[in-house]
């Protein structure tokens, strides 16, 4: 109870904003330079399902196998006008230039549009390279996952896209009442990352934060207005500066308007 009380008190303090990848939150607008010239904005594809492959222009696993497979196992599966695949280069070393991204395209044989200098957008989204994201027709993030150096779950990605294109996976705003709840993370114990489901009962500003057992803030995962619905955030076991934290007990704390919920997490390395 001592540590829990510390945590609840701390959630009432003001902390700096930090974006994060959150399934169920609104995808933020961006405009980036396109390989070959010109610019592309996310809003150019309003009303479409958008798949994004976040890559590094010299990332070994982005070059092979994940970059080529994002083309052959995702982009090539959809010829409908209601779908668009994009690649966003997040690397700054080597710099994201027309020549470095052109070399990446040549090696991977990707034909969907590749966008340059996406490091700031990646920071805005709270994502990193070698990740996959799916955004629905209403601009809501419906899938975000991946792990640097690992294969992507192309089967699950395609299921999300297919469901969205058939209009079965978009949140039903007329669904029965939803409680304000922070659900147990999974997996738990975890290493290196875990997913934290939560639900919001009405439109309000919410925070989802991670604290250590001493009640010290480790990282803010979410700080944004949310509407009614079920959502999911991912914590990759890092602090605000993206440094890995040590094994131990942590707490996820969800704070809304006049209400807060907490769950215990166990990181084992």
C-alpha atoms as a PDB file:
ATOM      1  CA  UNK A   1       0.000   0.000   0.000  1.00  0.00           C
ATOM      2  CA  UNK A   2       2.891   2.364   0.674  1.00  0.00           C
ATOM      3  CA  UNK A   3       4.242   2.155  -2.833  1.00  0.00           C
ATOM      4  CA  UNK A   4       0.792   2.202  -4.377  1.00  0.00           C
ATOM      5  CA  UNK A   5      -0.006   5.427  -2.488  1.00  0.00           C
ATOM      6  CA  UNK A   6       3.209   7.011  -3.749  1.00  0.00           C
ATOM      7  CA  UNK A   7       2.293   6.099  -7.285  1.00  0.00           C
ATOM      8  CA  UNK A   8      -1.208   7.545  -7.084  1.00  0.00           C
ATOM      9  CA  UNK A   9       0.101  10.811  -5.633  1.00  0.00           C
ATOM     10  CA  UNK A  10       2.684  11.092  -8.384  1.00  0.00           C
ATOM     11  CA  UNK A  11       0.068  10.690 -11.115  1.00  0.00           C
ATOM     12  CA  UNK A  12      -1.467  13.963  -9.996  1.00  0.00           C
ATOM     13  CA  UNK A  13       1.719  15.851 -10.818  1.00  0.00           C
ATOM     14  CA  UNK A  14       2.457  17.503 -14.160  1.00  0.00           C
ATOM     15  CA  UNK A  15       4.829  15.605 -16.426  1.00  0.00           C
ATOM     16  CA  UNK A  16       6.206  16.373 -19.875  1.00  0.00           C
ATOM     17  CA  UNK A  17       4.453  14.905 -22.914  1.00  0.00           C
ATOM     18  CA  UNK A  18       5.818  11.841 -24.627  1.00  0.00           C
ATOM     19  CA  UNK A  19       4.033  10.200 -27.557  1.00  0.00           C
ATOM     20  CA  UNK A  20       3.802   6.453 -27.846  1.00  0.00           C
ATOM     21  CA  UNK A  21       2.519   3.809 -30.193  1.00  0.00           C
ATOM     22  CA  UNK A  22      -0.990   3.059 -28.986  1.00  0.00           C
ATOM     23  CA  UNK A  23      -3.403   0.730 -30.723  1.00  0.00           C
ATOM     24  CA  UNK A  24      -6.703   2.603 -30.731  1.00  0.00           C
ATOM     25  CA  UNK A  25      -5.329   6.156 -30.734  1.00  0.00           C
ATOM     26  CA  UNK A  26      -5.497   8.641 -33.588  1.00  0.00           C
ATOM     27  CA  UNK A  27      -2.630   8.620 -36.076  1.00  0.00           C
ATOM     28  CA  UNK A  28      -1.034  12.052 -36.201  1.00  0.00           C
ATOM     29  CA  UNK A  29      -0.706  13.911 -39.474  1.00  0.00           C
ATOM     30  CA  UNK A  30       2.675  14.100 -41.182  1.00  0.00           C
ATOM     31  CA  UNK A  31       4.149  15.329 -44.446  1.00  0.00           C
ATOM     32  CA  UNK A  32       7.420  13.845 -45.714  1.00  0.00           C
ATOM     33  CA  UNK A  33       9.614  13.989 -48.775  1.00  0.00           C
ATOM     34  CA  UNK A  34       9.030  11.123 -51.199  1.00  0.00           C
ATOM     35  CA  UNK A  35      11.705   9.095 -52.932  1.00  0.00           C
ATOM     36  CA  UNK A  36      11.843  10.457 -56.462  1.00  0.00           C
ATOM     37  CA  UNK A  37      10.628  13.915 -55.455  1.00  0.00           C
ATOM     38  CA  UNK A  38       7.520  15.582 -54.083  1.00  0.00           C
ATOM     39  CA  UNK A  39       5.836  15.163 -50.713  1.00  0.00           C
ATOM     40  CA  UNK A  40       3.295  12.774 -49.247  1.00  0.00           C
ATOM     41  CA  UNK A  41       0.975  13.466 -46.308  1.00  0.00           C
ATOM     42  CA  UNK A  42      -0.934  10.890 -44.302  1.00  0.00           C
ATOM     43  CA  UNK A  43      -4.107  12.850 -45.050  1.00  0.00           C
ATOM     44  CA  UNK A  44      -3.581  12.100 -48.762  1.00  0.00           C
ATOM     45  CA  UNK A  45      -4.941   8.644 -47.947  1.00  0.00           C
ATOM     46  CA  UNK A  46      -7.896   9.661 -45.794  1.00  0.00           C
ATOM     47  CA  UNK A  47     -10.593   7.001 -46.001  1.00  0.00           C
ATOM     48  CA  UNK A  48      -8.092   4.263 -46.865  1.00  0.00           C
ATOM     49  CA  UNK A  49      -6.391   1.531 -44.874  1.00  0.00           C
ATOM     50  CA  UNK A  50      -2.708   2.495 -44.599  1.00  0.00           C
ATOM     51  CA  UNK A  51       0.093   0.040 -43.881  1.00  0.00           C
ATOM     52  CA  UNK A  52       3.386   1.617 -42.748  1.00  0.00           C
ATOM     53  CA  UNK A  53       6.740  -0.171 -42.688  1.00  0.00           C
ATOM     54  CA  UNK A  54       9.053   1.856 -40.441  1.00  0.00           C
ATOM     55  CA  UNK A  55      12.583   1.106 -41.636  1.00  0.00           C
ATOM     56  CA  UNK A  56      16.217   2.133 -41.412  1.00  0.00           C
ATOM     57  CA  UNK A  57      17.908   2.604 -44.762  1.00  0.00           C
ATOM     58  CA  UNK A  58      20.876   0.432 -43.717  1.00  0.00           C
ATOM     59  CA  UNK A  59      19.143  -1.776 -41.128  1.00  0.00           C
ATOM     60  CA  UNK A  60      20.191  -5.369 -41.974  1.00  0.00           C
ATOM     61  CA  UNK A  61      16.853  -6.967 -41.106  1.00  0.00           C
ATOM     62  CA  UNK A  62      14.955  -4.199 -42.877  1.00  0.00           C
ATOM     63  CA  UNK A  63      16.967  -4.952 -46.007  1.00  0.00           C
ATOM     64  CA  UNK A  64      16.494  -8.706 -45.653  1.00  0.00           C
ATOM     65  CA  UNK A  65      14.051 -10.248 -44.953  1.00  0.00           C
ATOM     66  CA  UNK A  66      11.508  -7.747 -43.584  1.00  0.00           C
ATOM     67  CA  UNK A  67      11.642  -5.061 -46.276  1.00  0.00           C
ATOM     68  CA  UNK A  68      11.149  -7.457 -49.201  1.00  0.00           C
ATOM     69  CA  UNK A  69       8.517  -9.403 -47.250  1.00  0.00           C
ATOM     70  CA  UNK A  70       6.566  -6.208 -46.499  1.00  0.00           C
ATOM     71  CA  UNK A  71       6.170  -5.986 -50.272  1.00  0.00           C
ATOM     72  CA  UNK A  72       5.504  -9.621 -51.131  1.00  0.00           C
ATOM     73  CA  UNK A  73       3.538 -10.612 -48.014  1.00  0.00           C
ATOM     74  CA  UNK A  74       1.528  -7.421 -47.493  1.00  0.00           C
ATOM     75  CA  UNK A  75       1.537  -4.790 -50.242  1.00  0.00           C
ATOM     76  CA  UNK A  76       1.209  -7.268 -53.127  1.00  0.00           C
ATOM     77  CA  UNK A  77      -1.886  -8.795 -51.523  1.00  0.00           C
ATOM     78  CA  UNK A  78      -4.044  -5.703 -51.999  1.00  0.00           C
ATOM     79  CA  UNK A  79      -4.883  -4.093 -55.311  1.00  0.00           C
ATOM     80  CA  UNK A  80      -7.943  -2.223 -54.041  1.00  0.00           C
ATOM     81  CA  UNK A  81      -8.001   1.575 -54.169  1.00  0.00           C
ATOM     82  CA  UNK A  82      -8.931   1.498 -50.485  1.00  0.00           C
ATOM     83  CA  UNK A  83      -5.443   0.374 -49.420  1.00  0.00           C
ATOM     84  CA  UNK A  84      -2.048   2.094 -49.407  1.00  0.00           C
ATOM     85  CA  UNK A  85       1.361   0.874 -48.253  1.00  0.00           C
ATOM     86  CA  UNK A  86       4.064   3.342 -47.237  1.00  0.00           C
ATOM     87  CA  UNK A  87       7.640   3.023 -46.024  1.00  0.00           C
ATOM     88  CA  UNK A  88       9.157   5.626 -43.686  1.00  0.00           C
ATOM     89  CA  UNK A  89      12.926   5.851 -43.180  1.00  0.00           C
ATOM     90  CA  UNK A  90      13.679   6.677 -39.538  1.00  0.00           C
ATOM     91  CA  UNK A  91      17.477   6.579 -39.678  1.00  0.00           C
ATOM     92  CA  UNK A  92      19.781   9.570 -39.412  1.00  0.00           C
ATOM     93  CA  UNK A  93      23.085   7.671 -39.643  1.00  0.00           C
ATOM     94  CA  UNK A  94      23.526   7.024 -42.517  1.00  0.00           C
ATOM     95  CA  UNK A  95      21.356  10.062 -43.262  1.00  0.00           C
ATOM     96  CA  UNK A  96      18.018   9.632 -44.968  1.00  0.00           C
ATOM     97  CA  UNK A  97      18.652  11.008 -48.457  1.00  0.00           C
ATOM     98  CA  UNK A  98      17.423  10.338 -51.968  1.00  0.00           C
ATOM     99  CA  UNK A  99      20.533   8.223 -52.635  1.00  0.00           C
ATOM    100  CA  UNK A 100      20.453   6.122 -49.423  1.00  0.00           C
ATOM    101  CA  UNK A 101      16.737   5.386 -49.719  1.00  0.00           C
ATOM    102  CA  UNK A 102      17.084   4.670 -53.445  1.00  0.00           C
ATOM    103  CA  UNK A 103      19.762   2.102 -52.586  1.00  0.00           C
ATOM    104  CA  UNK A 104      17.403   0.575 -50.014  1.00  0.00           C
ATOM    105  CA  UNK A 105      14.621   0.392 -52.591  1.00  0.00           C
ATOM    106  CA  UNK A 106      16.926  -1.205 -55.150  1.00  0.00           C
ATOM    107  CA  UNK A 107      18.063  -3.872 -52.695  1.00  0.00           C
ATOM    108  CA  UNK A 108      14.606  -4.695 -51.330  1.00  0.00           C
ATOM    109  CA  UNK A 109      12.620  -4.366 -54.600  1.00  0.00           C
ATOM    110  CA  UNK A 110       9.931  -2.398 -52.746  1.00  0.00           C
ATOM    111  CA  UNK A 111       7.549  -0.665 -55.151  1.00  0.00           C
ATOM    112  CA  UNK A 112       5.279   1.175 -52.727  1.00  0.00           C
ATOM    113  CA  UNK A 113       6.188   4.810 -51.873  1.00  0.00           C
ATOM    114  CA  UNK A 114       9.198   5.328 -49.599  1.00  0.00           C
ATOM    115  CA  UNK A 115       9.419   8.496 -47.521  1.00  0.00           C
ATOM    116  CA  UNK A 116      12.596  10.201 -46.335  1.00  0.00           C
ATOM    117  CA  UNK A 117      13.706  11.882 -43.115  1.00  0.00           C
ATOM    118  CA  UNK A 118      11.065  10.307 -40.917  1.00  0.00           C
ATOM    119  CA  UNK A 119      13.030  10.443 -37.660  1.00  0.00           C
ATOM    120  CA  UNK A 120      10.953  13.283 -36.202  1.00  0.00           C
ATOM    121  CA  UNK A 121       7.716  11.597 -37.241  1.00  0.00           C
ATOM    122  CA  UNK A 122       8.908   8.365 -35.619  1.00  0.00           C
ATOM    123  CA  UNK A 123       9.606  10.302 -32.420  1.00  0.00           C
ATOM    124  CA  UNK A 124       6.180  11.929 -32.662  1.00  0.00           C
ATOM    125  CA  UNK A 125       4.601   8.477 -32.907  1.00  0.00           C
ATOM    126  CA  UNK A 126       6.938   6.974 -30.323  1.00  0.00           C
ATOM    127  CA  UNK A 127       8.076   4.228 -32.698  1.00  0.00           C
ATOM    128  CA  UNK A 128      11.366   2.884 -34.000  1.00  0.00           C
ATOM    129  CA  UNK A 129      12.616   1.128 -37.132  1.00  0.00           C
ATOM    130  CA  UNK A 130      11.772  -2.415 -38.282  1.00  0.00           C
ATOM    131  CA  UNK A 131       8.155  -2.120 -37.165  1.00  0.00           C
ATOM    132  CA  UNK A 132       4.782  -2.506 -38.878  1.00  0.00           C
ATOM    133  CA  UNK A 133       1.725  -0.315 -38.354  1.00  0.00           C
ATOM    134  CA  UNK A 134      -1.812  -0.396 -39.747  1.00  0.00           C
ATOM    135  CA  UNK A 135      -4.082   2.668 -39.707  1.00  0.00           C
ATOM    136  CA  UNK A 136      -7.786   2.314 -40.435  1.00  0.00           C
ATOM    137  CA  UNK A 137     -10.047   4.353 -42.720  1.00  0.00           C
ATOM    138  CA  UNK A 138     -10.844   6.770 -39.910  1.00  0.00           C
ATOM    139  CA  UNK A 139      -7.212   7.477 -39.051  1.00  0.00           C
ATOM    140  CA  UNK A 140      -7.059   5.217 -35.992  1.00  0.00           C
ATOM    141  CA  UNK A 141      -4.022   2.994 -35.342  1.00  0.00           C
ATOM    142  CA  UNK A 142      -5.257  -0.597 -35.356  1.00  0.00           C
ATOM    143  CA  UNK A 143      -1.956  -2.476 -35.320  1.00  0.00           C
ATOM    144  CA  UNK A 144       1.580  -1.728 -34.176  1.00  0.00           C
ATOM    145  CA  UNK A 145       4.118  -4.405 -33.529  1.00  0.00           C
ATOM    146  CA  UNK A 146       7.511  -5.735 -34.465  1.00  0.00           C
ATOM    147  CA  UNK A 147      10.910  -6.317 -33.001  1.00  0.00           C
ATOM    148  CA  UNK A 148      14.238  -5.251 -34.435  1.00  0.00           C
ATOM    149  CA  UNK A 149      15.960  -8.308 -35.837  1.00  0.00           C
ATOM    150  CA  UNK A 150      12.839 -10.494 -35.815  1.00  0.00           C
ATOM    151  CA  UNK A 151      10.359 -11.518 -38.477  1.00  0.00           C
ATOM    152  CA  UNK A 152       7.084  -9.611 -38.594  1.00  0.00           C
ATOM    153  CA  UNK A 153       3.777 -11.404 -38.032  1.00  0.00           C
ATOM    154  CA  UNK A 154       2.598 -11.089 -41.609  1.00  0.00           C
ATOM    155  CA  UNK A 155      -0.393 -13.374 -40.992  1.00  0.00           C
ATOM    156  CA  UNK A 156      -1.739 -11.134 -38.229  1.00  0.00           C
ATOM    157  CA  UNK A 157      -0.996  -7.968 -40.206  1.00  0.00           C
ATOM    158  CA  UNK A 158      -2.953  -9.298 -43.179  1.00  0.00           C
ATOM    159  CA  UNK A 159      -5.838 -10.318 -40.944  1.00  0.00           C
ATOM    160  CA  UNK A 160      -6.070  -6.790 -39.530  1.00  0.00           C
ATOM    161  CA  UNK A 161      -5.974  -5.261 -43.018  1.00  0.00           C
ATOM    162  CA  UNK A 162      -8.484  -7.720 -44.456  1.00  0.00           C
ATOM    163  CA  UNK A 163     -10.887  -7.152 -41.568  1.00  0.00           C
ATOM    164  CA  UNK A 164     -10.615  -3.393 -41.974  1.00  0.00           C
ATOM    165  CA  UNK A 165     -11.218  -3.568 -45.700  1.00  0.00           C
ATOM    166  CA  UNK A 166     -14.337  -5.607 -45.013  1.00  0.00           C
ATOM    167  CA  UNK A 167     -15.349  -2.947 -42.438  1.00  0.00           C
ATOM    168  CA  UNK A 168     -15.571  -5.472 -39.580  1.00  0.00           C
ATOM    169  CA  UNK A 169     -12.751  -4.269 -37.345  1.00  0.00           C
ATOM    170  CA  UNK A 170     -13.625  -0.581 -36.907  1.00  0.00           C
ATOM    171  CA  UNK A 171     -14.749   0.268 -33.358  1.00  0.00           C
ATOM    172  CA  UNK A 172     -18.531   0.251 -32.953  1.00  0.00           C
ATOM    173  CA  UNK A 173     -19.343   3.578 -31.309  1.00  0.00           C
ATOM    174  CA  UNK A 174     -22.842   2.330 -30.406  1.00  0.00           C
ATOM    175  CA  UNK A 175     -21.543  -0.688 -28.485  1.00  0.00           C
ATOM    176  CA  UNK A 176     -22.687  -1.348 -24.871  1.00  0.00           C
ATOM    177  CA  UNK A 177     -21.283   0.611 -21.964  1.00  0.00           C
ATOM    178  CA  UNK A 178     -17.516   0.298 -21.426  1.00  0.00           C
ATOM    179  CA  UNK A 179     -15.919   0.693 -18.000  1.00  0.00           C
ATOM    180  CA  UNK A 180     -12.836   2.785 -17.274  1.00  0.00           C
ATOM    181  CA  UNK A 181     -10.362  -0.028 -16.738  1.00  0.00           C
ATOM    182  CA  UNK A 182      -6.683  -0.915 -16.829  1.00  0.00           C
ATOM    183  CA  UNK A 183      -6.343  -4.589 -17.632  1.00  0.00           C
ATOM    184  CA  UNK A 184      -3.441  -6.929 -16.815  1.00  0.00           C
ATOM    185  CA  UNK A 185      -0.539  -6.640 -19.210  1.00  0.00           C
ATOM    186  CA  UNK A 186       0.503  -9.575 -21.338  1.00  0.00           C
ATOM    187  CA  UNK A 187       2.812 -11.312 -21.285  1.00  0.00           C
ATOM    188  CA  UNK A 188       3.591 -10.946 -17.584  1.00  0.00           C
ATOM    189  CA  UNK A 189       6.370 -11.561 -16.594  1.00  0.00           C
ATOM    190  CA  UNK A 190       7.836 -10.144 -19.816  1.00  0.00           C
ATOM    191  CA  UNK A 191      11.041  -9.462 -21.725  1.00  0.00           C
ATOM    192  CA  UNK A 192      11.639  -7.343 -23.726  1.00  0.00           C
ATOM    193  CA  UNK A 193       8.171  -5.804 -24.209  1.00  0.00           C
ATOM    194  CA  UNK A 194       4.610  -6.168 -22.998  1.00  0.00           C
ATOM    195  CA  UNK A 195       1.174  -4.980 -24.081  1.00  0.00           C
ATOM    196  CA  UNK A 196      -1.087  -3.040 -21.745  1.00  0.00           C
ATOM    197  CA  UNK A 197      -4.826  -3.121 -22.589  1.00  0.00           C
ATOM    198  CA  UNK A 198      -7.118  -0.430 -21.228  1.00  0.00           C
ATOM    199  CA  UNK A 199     -10.619   0.854 -21.832  1.00  0.00           C
ATOM    200  CA  UNK A 200     -12.117   4.342 -21.632  1.00  0.00           C
ATOM    201  CA  UNK A 201     -15.771   4.870 -20.740  1.00  0.00           C
ATOM    202  CA  UNK A 202     -16.145   8.386 -22.184  1.00  0.00           C
ATOM    203  CA  UNK A 203     -14.148  11.041 -24.017  1.00  0.00           C
ATOM    204  CA  UNK A 204     -11.524  12.466 -21.668  1.00  0.00           C
ATOM    205  CA  UNK A 205      -7.837  13.243 -21.256  1.00  0.00           C
ATOM    206  CA  UNK A 206      -5.932  10.218 -20.045  1.00  0.00           C
ATOM    207  CA  UNK A 207      -2.403   9.296 -19.009  1.00  0.00           C
ATOM    208  CA  UNK A 208      -0.833   5.863 -18.990  1.00  0.00           C
ATOM    209  CA  UNK A 209       2.479   5.859 -17.121  1.00  0.00           C
ATOM    210  CA  UNK A 210       5.033   3.379 -15.800  1.00  0.00           C
ATOM    211  CA  UNK A 211       6.467   3.697 -12.277  1.00  0.00           C
ATOM    212  CA  UNK A 212       9.109   1.692 -10.457  1.00  0.00           C
ATOM    213  CA  UNK A 213       8.561   0.117  -7.050  1.00  0.00           C
ATOM    214  CA  UNK A 214       9.905   3.284  -5.351  1.00  0.00           C
ATOM    215  CA  UNK A 215       7.147   5.354  -6.922  1.00  0.00           C
ATOM    216  CA  UNK A 216       9.454   7.104  -9.395  1.00  0.00           C
ATOM    217  CA  UNK A 217       8.103   7.846 -12.864  1.00  0.00           C
ATOM    218  CA  UNK A 218       9.875   5.681 -15.442  1.00  0.00           C
ATOM    219  CA  UNK A 219       8.031   6.545 -18.641  1.00  0.00           C
ATOM    220  CA  UNK A 220       4.852   8.163 -19.932  1.00  0.00           C
ATOM    221  CA  UNK A 221       3.321   5.912 -22.571  1.00  0.00           C
ATOM    222  CA  UNK A 222       0.172   7.903 -23.286  1.00  0.00           C
ATOM    223  CA  UNK A 223      -0.912  11.480 -22.602  1.00  0.00           C
ATOM    224  CA  UNK A 224      -3.733  12.457 -24.931  1.00  0.00           C
ATOM    225  CA  UNK A 225      -7.521  12.796 -25.249  1.00  0.00           C
ATOM    226  CA  UNK A 226      -9.278   9.489 -25.937  1.00  0.00           C
ATOM    227  CA  UNK A 227     -12.839   8.639 -26.856  1.00  0.00           C
ATOM    228  CA  UNK A 228     -14.853   5.713 -25.575  1.00  0.00           C
ATOM    229  CA  UNK A 229     -13.354   2.373 -26.569  1.00  0.00           C
ATOM    230  CA  UNK A 230     -10.857  -0.404 -25.980  1.00  0.00           C
ATOM    231  CA  UNK A 231      -7.167   0.354 -26.541  1.00  0.00           C
ATOM    232  CA  UNK A 232      -3.731  -1.108 -26.114  1.00  0.00           C
ATOM    233  CA  UNK A 233      -0.297   0.381 -25.467  1.00  0.00           C
ATOM    234  CA  UNK A 234       3.118  -1.258 -25.661  1.00  0.00           C
ATOM    235  CA  UNK A 235       5.991  -0.804 -23.218  1.00  0.00           C
ATOM    236  CA  UNK A 236       9.385  -2.015 -24.344  1.00  0.00           C
ATOM    237  CA  UNK A 237      11.113  -1.895 -20.947  1.00  0.00           C
ATOM    238  CA  UNK A 238      12.814   1.477 -21.452  1.00  0.00           C
ATOM    239  CA  UNK A 239      12.718   4.768 -19.576  1.00  0.00           C
ATOM    240  CA  UNK A 240      11.930   8.275 -20.836  1.00  0.00           C
ATOM    241  CA  UNK A 241      15.364   8.464 -22.468  1.00  0.00           C
ATOM    242  CA  UNK A 242      14.826   5.072 -24.144  1.00  0.00           C
ATOM    243  CA  UNK A 243      17.439   3.442 -21.926  1.00  0.00           C
ATOM    244  CA  UNK A 244      16.681  -0.162 -20.882  1.00  0.00           C
ATOM    245  CA  UNK A 245      15.545  -0.483 -17.275  1.00  0.00           C
ATOM    246  CA  UNK A 246      16.594  -3.236 -14.893  1.00  0.00           C
ATOM    247  CA  UNK A 247      14.616  -6.345 -13.981  1.00  0.00           C
ATOM    248  CA  UNK A 248      12.039  -5.871 -11.251  1.00  0.00           C
ATOM    249  CA  UNK A 249       8.500  -4.929 -10.294  1.00  0.00           C
ATOM    250  CA  UNK A 250       6.893  -1.942 -12.050  1.00  0.00           C
ATOM    251  CA  UNK A 251       3.424  -0.451 -12.047  1.00  0.00           C
ATOM    252  CA  UNK A 252       1.303   0.755 -14.939  1.00  0.00           C
ATOM    253  CA  UNK A 253      -1.026   3.582 -13.855  1.00  0.00           C
ATOM    254  CA  UNK A 254      -3.976   4.778 -15.924  1.00  0.00           C
ATOM    255  CA  UNK A 255      -5.299   8.198 -14.943  1.00  0.00           C
ATOM    256  CA  UNK A 256      -8.501   9.755 -16.242  1.00  0.00           C
ATOM    257  CA  UNK A 257     -10.811  12.495 -15.029  1.00  0.00           C
ATOM    258  CA  UNK A 258     -11.154  11.886 -11.303  1.00  0.00           C
ATOM    259  CA  UNK A 259     -10.213   8.230 -11.529  1.00  0.00           C
ATOM    260  CA  UNK A 260      -7.065   6.104 -11.683  1.00  0.00           C
ATOM    261  CA  UNK A 261      -6.255   2.413 -11.987  1.00  0.00           C
ATOM    262  CA  UNK A 262      -3.022   0.486 -11.437  1.00  0.00           C
ATOM    263  CA  UNK A 263      -1.583  -2.904 -12.368  1.00  0.00           C
ATOM    264  CA  UNK A 264       1.669  -4.639 -11.406  1.00  0.00           C
ATOM    265  CA  UNK A 265       4.187  -5.621 -14.114  1.00  0.00           C
ATOM    266  CA  UNK A 266       7.212  -7.894 -13.735  1.00  0.00           C
ATOM    267  CA  UNK A 267      10.222  -7.434 -16.020  1.00  0.00           C
ATOM    268  CA  UNK A 268      12.647 -10.387 -15.994  1.00  0.00           C
ATOM    269  CA  UNK A 269      15.882 -10.354 -17.980  1.00  0.00           C
END
